[in-house]
């Protein structure tokens, strides 16, 4: 069964989920279909501003990230939180370019590593160029395509398609028509995947 998996490089939880999604669902016959979307656009207009977390919740949040990272064996550099708020649109368009050439995974995993392990600014065209080159693409041509209005529009369409399907955050993934949201919903998704089998 193909499992659409919606992500944005901006989200550490989508990063951690991405670290284990293919092995977790692959054991059950699920094939992950990585789909880049723009997280900020997914926000529902009626949801209002997020509350400012207090000191205790902020400390718990960082500890939770560390715990999940340790449990799944995924590296995570918490200094990367300093890059929160930087645009990921170019990096997401880079993923679309890599997918066109059948090189999505060769780009996707290093892009997540660049953002959340190496704390590199993936809004920087030079960083994205290096990631495209590392994926085996013609870096200059691929970067130019990633910066094109056509790819920007494609990212917006894909994000709207996700919204139309009910997606409101990342990571989001589907088993059949059932939506699951969050790195911590894999076990529930597995239950429904096994039921469908």
C-alpha atoms as a PDB file:
ATOM      1  CA  UNK A   1       0.000   0.000   0.000  1.00  0.00           C
ATOM      2  CA  UNK A   2       1.274   3.466  -0.866  1.00  0.00           C
ATOM      3  CA  UNK A   3       1.334   5.855   2.085  1.00  0.00           C
ATOM      4  CA  UNK A   4       1.326   9.573   1.189  1.00  0.00           C
ATOM      5  CA  UNK A   5       3.627  11.311   3.691  1.00  0.00           C
ATOM      6  CA  UNK A   6       3.376  15.113   3.873  1.00  0.00           C
ATOM      7  CA  UNK A   7       6.378  16.999   5.247  1.00  0.00           C
ATOM      8  CA  UNK A   8       8.100  20.360   5.516  1.00  0.00           C
ATOM      9  CA  UNK A   9      11.791  20.681   6.408  1.00  0.00           C
ATOM     10  CA  UNK A  10      10.731  23.333   8.961  1.00  0.00           C
ATOM     11  CA  UNK A  11       9.336  20.731  11.372  1.00  0.00           C
ATOM     12  CA  UNK A  12      11.588  18.676  13.680  1.00  0.00           C
ATOM     13  CA  UNK A  13       8.805  16.147  14.254  1.00  0.00           C
ATOM     14  CA  UNK A  14       8.474  15.573  10.504  1.00  0.00           C
ATOM     15  CA  UNK A  15      12.257  15.106  10.457  1.00  0.00           C
ATOM     16  CA  UNK A  16      12.141  12.448  13.184  1.00  0.00           C
ATOM     17  CA  UNK A  17       9.178  10.741  11.506  1.00  0.00           C
ATOM     18  CA  UNK A  18      11.013  10.818   8.189  1.00  0.00           C
ATOM     19  CA  UNK A  19      14.021   9.090   9.792  1.00  0.00           C
ATOM     20  CA  UNK A  20      11.972   5.970  10.461  1.00  0.00           C
ATOM     21  CA  UNK A  21       8.920   6.025   8.188  1.00  0.00           C
ATOM     22  CA  UNK A  22      10.291   3.836   5.389  1.00  0.00           C
ATOM     23  CA  UNK A  23      11.640   1.109   7.656  1.00  0.00           C
ATOM     24  CA  UNK A  24       8.604   1.160   9.983  1.00  0.00           C
ATOM     25  CA  UNK A  25       5.942   0.916   7.294  1.00  0.00           C
ATOM     26  CA  UNK A  26       8.082  -1.066   4.858  1.00  0.00           C
ATOM     27  CA  UNK A  27       7.981  -4.036   7.223  1.00  0.00           C
ATOM     28  CA  UNK A  28       4.201  -4.004   6.786  1.00  0.00           C
ATOM     29  CA  UNK A  29       4.228  -3.684   3.004  1.00  0.00           C
ATOM     30  CA  UNK A  30       3.703   0.077   3.049  1.00  0.00           C
ATOM     31  CA  UNK A  31       5.566   2.272   0.563  1.00  0.00           C
ATOM     32  CA  UNK A  32       6.203   5.877   1.612  1.00  0.00           C
ATOM     33  CA  UNK A  33       5.359   8.557  -0.941  1.00  0.00           C
ATOM     34  CA  UNK A  34       7.124  11.702   0.343  1.00  0.00           C
ATOM     35  CA  UNK A  35       5.116  14.840  -0.499  1.00  0.00           C
ATOM     36  CA  UNK A  36       6.562  18.291   0.234  1.00  0.00           C
ATOM     37  CA  UNK A  37       4.083  20.932   1.421  1.00  0.00           C
ATOM     38  CA  UNK A  38       4.456  24.416   2.876  1.00  0.00           C
ATOM     39  CA  UNK A  39       3.661  24.124   6.575  1.00  0.00           C
ATOM     40  CA  UNK A  40       2.832  27.801   7.174  1.00  0.00           C
ATOM     41  CA  UNK A  41       0.188  27.642   4.428  1.00  0.00           C
ATOM     42  CA  UNK A  42      -1.422  24.546   5.979  1.00  0.00           C
ATOM     43  CA  UNK A  43      -2.422  26.507   9.079  1.00  0.00           C
ATOM     44  CA  UNK A  44      -6.181  26.808   9.280  1.00  0.00           C
ATOM     45  CA  UNK A  45      -7.265  30.467   9.107  1.00  0.00           C
ATOM     46  CA  UNK A  46      -9.671  29.994  12.016  1.00  0.00           C
ATOM     47  CA  UNK A  47      -7.072  28.441  14.350  1.00  0.00           C
ATOM     48  CA  UNK A  48      -5.792  31.728  15.796  1.00  0.00           C
ATOM     49  CA  UNK A  49      -2.283  32.424  17.069  1.00  0.00           C
ATOM     50  CA  UNK A  50      -0.420  29.721  18.943  1.00  0.00           C
ATOM     51  CA  UNK A  51      -0.036  30.407  22.665  1.00  0.00           C
ATOM     52  CA  UNK A  52       3.420  31.423  23.835  1.00  0.00           C
ATOM     53  CA  UNK A  53       4.798  28.422  25.761  1.00  0.00           C
ATOM     54  CA  UNK A  54       5.998  28.927  29.309  1.00  0.00           C
ATOM     55  CA  UNK A  55       9.363  27.874  30.689  1.00  0.00           C
ATOM     56  CA  UNK A  56       8.195  24.449  31.882  1.00  0.00           C
ATOM     57  CA  UNK A  57       6.505  23.552  28.621  1.00  0.00           C
ATOM     58  CA  UNK A  58       9.487  24.794  26.575  1.00  0.00           C
ATOM     59  CA  UNK A  59      11.862  22.687  28.683  1.00  0.00           C
ATOM     60  CA  UNK A  60       9.589  19.643  28.324  1.00  0.00           C
ATOM     61  CA  UNK A  61       9.335  20.183  24.548  1.00  0.00           C
ATOM     62  CA  UNK A  62      13.104  20.148  24.092  1.00  0.00           C
ATOM     63  CA  UNK A  63      13.461  17.115  26.368  1.00  0.00           C
ATOM     64  CA  UNK A  64      10.759  15.326  24.358  1.00  0.00           C
ATOM     65  CA  UNK A  65      12.629  15.991  21.108  1.00  0.00           C
ATOM     66  CA  UNK A  66      15.820  14.626  22.692  1.00  0.00           C
ATOM     67  CA  UNK A  67      14.018  11.528  23.983  1.00  0.00           C
ATOM     68  CA  UNK A  68      12.416  10.720  20.628  1.00  0.00           C
ATOM     69  CA  UNK A  69      15.717  11.286  18.856  1.00  0.00           C
ATOM     70  CA  UNK A  70      17.496   8.923  21.231  1.00  0.00           C
ATOM     71  CA  UNK A  71      14.765   6.282  21.023  1.00  0.00           C
ATOM     72  CA  UNK A  72      14.721   6.088  17.230  1.00  0.00           C
ATOM     73  CA  UNK A  73      18.482   6.602  16.757  1.00  0.00           C
ATOM     74  CA  UNK A  74      18.044   9.856  14.863  1.00  0.00           C
ATOM     75  CA  UNK A  75      20.607  12.601  15.290  1.00  0.00           C
ATOM     76  CA  UNK A  76      19.287  15.993  16.350  1.00  0.00           C
ATOM     77  CA  UNK A  77      21.217  19.182  17.001  1.00  0.00           C
ATOM     78  CA  UNK A  78      19.098  21.403  19.224  1.00  0.00           C
ATOM     79  CA  UNK A  79      21.109  24.446  18.152  1.00  0.00           C
ATOM     80  CA  UNK A  80      19.154  24.127  14.923  1.00  0.00           C
ATOM     81  CA  UNK A  81      16.172  25.673  16.734  1.00  0.00           C
ATOM     82  CA  UNK A  82      17.871  29.021  16.136  1.00  0.00           C
ATOM     83  CA  UNK A  83      16.873  28.645  12.466  1.00  0.00           C
ATOM     84  CA  UNK A  84      13.149  28.386  13.234  1.00  0.00           C
ATOM     85  CA  UNK A  85      11.279  30.898  11.114  1.00  0.00           C
ATOM     86  CA  UNK A  86      13.644  30.714   8.135  1.00  0.00           C
ATOM     87  CA  UNK A  87      11.833  29.943   4.906  1.00  0.00           C
ATOM     88  CA  UNK A  88      11.928  26.372   3.637  1.00  0.00           C
ATOM     89  CA  UNK A  89      10.172  27.104   0.333  1.00  0.00           C
ATOM     90  CA  UNK A  90      13.332  26.911  -1.787  1.00  0.00           C
ATOM     91  CA  UNK A  91      14.389  23.642  -0.161  1.00  0.00           C
ATOM     92  CA  UNK A  92      10.894  22.217  -0.729  1.00  0.00           C
ATOM     93  CA  UNK A  93      11.019  23.272  -4.391  1.00  0.00           C
ATOM     94  CA  UNK A  94      14.424  21.581  -4.527  1.00  0.00           C
ATOM     95  CA  UNK A  95      12.723  18.378  -3.369  1.00  0.00           C
ATOM     96  CA  UNK A  96      10.228  18.693  -6.232  1.00  0.00           C
ATOM     97  CA  UNK A  97      13.091  19.101  -8.721  1.00  0.00           C
ATOM     98  CA  UNK A  98      14.900  16.082  -7.274  1.00  0.00           C
ATOM     99  CA  UNK A  99      11.673  14.050  -7.482  1.00  0.00           C
ATOM    100  CA  UNK A 100      11.320  14.922 -11.180  1.00  0.00           C
ATOM    101  CA  UNK A 101      14.718  13.326 -11.783  1.00  0.00           C
ATOM    102  CA  UNK A 102      14.045  10.295  -9.599  1.00  0.00           C
ATOM    103  CA  UNK A 103      16.466  11.537  -6.936  1.00  0.00           C
ATOM    104  CA  UNK A 104      14.092  12.555  -4.147  1.00  0.00           C
ATOM    105  CA  UNK A 105      15.569  10.355  -1.441  1.00  0.00           C
ATOM    106  CA  UNK A 106      19.117  11.328  -2.403  1.00  0.00           C
ATOM    107  CA  UNK A 107      18.091  14.929  -1.755  1.00  0.00           C
ATOM    108  CA  UNK A 108      15.463  14.518   0.971  1.00  0.00           C
ATOM    109  CA  UNK A 109      17.478  12.825   3.698  1.00  0.00           C
ATOM    110  CA  UNK A 110      20.547  15.100   3.346  1.00  0.00           C
ATOM    111  CA  UNK A 111      18.247  18.146   3.310  1.00  0.00           C
ATOM    112  CA  UNK A 112      16.694  17.109   6.610  1.00  0.00           C
ATOM    113  CA  UNK A 113      20.147  16.352   7.993  1.00  0.00           C
ATOM    114  CA  UNK A 114      21.399  19.756   6.872  1.00  0.00           C
ATOM    115  CA  UNK A 115      18.535  21.478   8.678  1.00  0.00           C
ATOM    116  CA  UNK A 116      18.240  19.495  11.909  1.00  0.00           C
ATOM    117  CA  UNK A 117      21.682  17.911  12.437  1.00  0.00           C
ATOM    118  CA  UNK A 118      24.125  20.328  10.827  1.00  0.00           C
ATOM    119  CA  UNK A 119      22.023  23.450  11.615  1.00  0.00           C
ATOM    120  CA  UNK A 120      22.537  24.828   8.101  1.00  0.00           C
ATOM    121  CA  UNK A 121      20.253  27.535   6.730  1.00  0.00           C
ATOM    122  CA  UNK A 122      18.348  25.789   3.944  1.00  0.00           C
ATOM    123  CA  UNK A 123      16.817  29.090   2.852  1.00  0.00           C
ATOM    124  CA  UNK A 124      20.284  29.910   1.474  1.00  0.00           C
ATOM    125  CA  UNK A 125      20.465  29.136  -2.282  1.00  0.00           C
ATOM    126  CA  UNK A 126      24.083  28.012  -1.910  1.00  0.00           C
ATOM    127  CA  UNK A 127      23.088  25.401   0.656  1.00  0.00           C
ATOM    128  CA  UNK A 128      20.287  24.156  -1.600  1.00  0.00           C
ATOM    129  CA  UNK A 129      22.669  24.118  -4.589  1.00  0.00           C
ATOM    130  CA  UNK A 130      25.059  21.898  -2.627  1.00  0.00           C
ATOM    131  CA  UNK A 131      22.218  19.553  -1.657  1.00  0.00           C
ATOM    132  CA  UNK A 132      21.090  19.279  -5.285  1.00  0.00           C
ATOM    133  CA  UNK A 133      24.659  18.565  -6.382  1.00  0.00           C
ATOM    134  CA  UNK A 134      25.008  15.948  -3.647  1.00  0.00           C
ATOM    135  CA  UNK A 135      21.892  14.242  -4.990  1.00  0.00           C
ATOM    136  CA  UNK A 136      23.620  13.847  -8.359  1.00  0.00           C
ATOM    137  CA  UNK A 137      21.803  16.664 -10.175  1.00  0.00           C
ATOM    138  CA  UNK A 138      23.193  19.427 -12.374  1.00  0.00           C
ATOM    139  CA  UNK A 139      23.316  21.891  -9.485  1.00  0.00           C
ATOM    140  CA  UNK A 140      23.017  25.142 -11.431  1.00  0.00           C
ATOM    141  CA  UNK A 141      20.186  23.939 -13.666  1.00  0.00           C
ATOM    142  CA  UNK A 142      18.350  22.288 -10.761  1.00  0.00           C
ATOM    143  CA  UNK A 143      18.665  25.381  -8.570  1.00  0.00           C
ATOM    144  CA  UNK A 144      17.381  27.611 -11.371  1.00  0.00           C
ATOM    145  CA  UNK A 145      14.383  25.310 -11.762  1.00  0.00           C
ATOM    146  CA  UNK A 146      13.779  25.261  -8.001  1.00  0.00           C
ATOM    147  CA  UNK A 147      13.741  29.077  -8.036  1.00  0.00           C
ATOM    148  CA  UNK A 148      11.282  29.245 -10.933  1.00  0.00           C
ATOM    149  CA  UNK A 149       7.729  30.524 -10.638  1.00  0.00           C
ATOM    150  CA  UNK A 150       6.557  27.207 -12.077  1.00  0.00           C
ATOM    151  CA  UNK A 151       7.950  25.264  -9.119  1.00  0.00           C
ATOM    152  CA  UNK A 152       6.673  27.855  -6.629  1.00  0.00           C
ATOM    153  CA  UNK A 153       3.208  27.427  -8.136  1.00  0.00           C
ATOM    154  CA  UNK A 154       3.546  23.635  -8.053  1.00  0.00           C
ATOM    155  CA  UNK A 155       4.423  23.739  -4.345  1.00  0.00           C
ATOM    156  CA  UNK A 156       1.370  25.922  -3.712  1.00  0.00           C
ATOM    157  CA  UNK A 157      -0.858  23.503  -5.672  1.00  0.00           C
ATOM    158  CA  UNK A 158       0.461  20.518  -3.793  1.00  0.00           C
ATOM    159  CA  UNK A 159      -0.086  22.296  -0.493  1.00  0.00           C
ATOM    160  CA  UNK A 160      -3.652  23.166  -1.484  1.00  0.00           C
ATOM    161  CA  UNK A 161      -4.253  19.562  -2.548  1.00  0.00           C
ATOM    162  CA  UNK A 162      -3.133  18.479   0.932  1.00  0.00           C
ATOM    163  CA  UNK A 163      -5.457  21.039   2.552  1.00  0.00           C
ATOM    164  CA  UNK A 164      -8.331  19.805   0.407  1.00  0.00           C
ATOM    165  CA  UNK A 165      -7.625  16.297   1.661  1.00  0.00           C
ATOM    166  CA  UNK A 166      -7.787  17.468   5.283  1.00  0.00           C
ATOM    167  CA  UNK A 167      -4.095  17.944   6.121  1.00  0.00           C
ATOM    168  CA  UNK A 168      -3.460  20.678   8.700  1.00  0.00           C
ATOM    169  CA  UNK A 169       0.097  19.970   9.859  1.00  0.00           C
ATOM    170  CA  UNK A 170       3.161  17.790   9.371  1.00  0.00           C
ATOM    171  CA  UNK A 171       4.057  15.039   9.467  1.00  0.00           C
ATOM    172  CA  UNK A 172       0.735  13.840   8.069  1.00  0.00           C
ATOM    173  CA  UNK A 173       0.236  10.498   6.359  1.00  0.00           C
ATOM    174  CA  UNK A 174      -2.638   8.409   5.126  1.00  0.00           C
ATOM    175  CA  UNK A 175      -3.570   4.760   5.371  1.00  0.00           C
ATOM    176  CA  UNK A 176      -6.264   4.536   2.744  1.00  0.00           C
ATOM    177  CA  UNK A 177      -8.415   7.590   3.412  1.00  0.00           C
ATOM    178  CA  UNK A 178      -7.603   7.787   7.126  1.00  0.00           C
ATOM    179  CA  UNK A 179      -5.390  10.725   8.138  1.00  0.00           C
ATOM    180  CA  UNK A 180      -2.740  10.455  10.840  1.00  0.00           C
ATOM    181  CA  UNK A 181      -0.838  13.468  12.161  1.00  0.00           C
ATOM    182  CA  UNK A 182       2.348  13.362  14.174  1.00  0.00           C
ATOM    183  CA  UNK A 183       5.527  11.411  14.692  1.00  0.00           C
ATOM    184  CA  UNK A 184       3.803   9.614  17.575  1.00  0.00           C
ATOM    185  CA  UNK A 185       0.915   8.140  15.550  1.00  0.00           C
ATOM    186  CA  UNK A 186       2.889   5.461  13.717  1.00  0.00           C
ATOM    187  CA  UNK A 187       1.599   2.660  15.940  1.00  0.00           C
ATOM    188  CA  UNK A 188      -2.010   3.706  15.374  1.00  0.00           C
ATOM    189  CA  UNK A 189      -1.389   3.914  11.619  1.00  0.00           C
ATOM    190  CA  UNK A 190       0.148   0.427  11.753  1.00  0.00           C
ATOM    191  CA  UNK A 191      -3.013  -0.881  13.414  1.00  0.00           C
ATOM    192  CA  UNK A 192      -5.122   0.393  10.516  1.00  0.00           C
ATOM    193  CA  UNK A 193      -2.599  -0.773   7.935  1.00  0.00           C
ATOM    194  CA  UNK A 194      -2.729  -4.289   9.389  1.00  0.00           C
ATOM    195  CA  UNK A 195      -6.553  -4.139   9.448  1.00  0.00           C
ATOM    196  CA  UNK A 196      -6.648  -3.174   5.783  1.00  0.00           C
ATOM    197  CA  UNK A 197      -4.369  -6.087   4.924  1.00  0.00           C
END
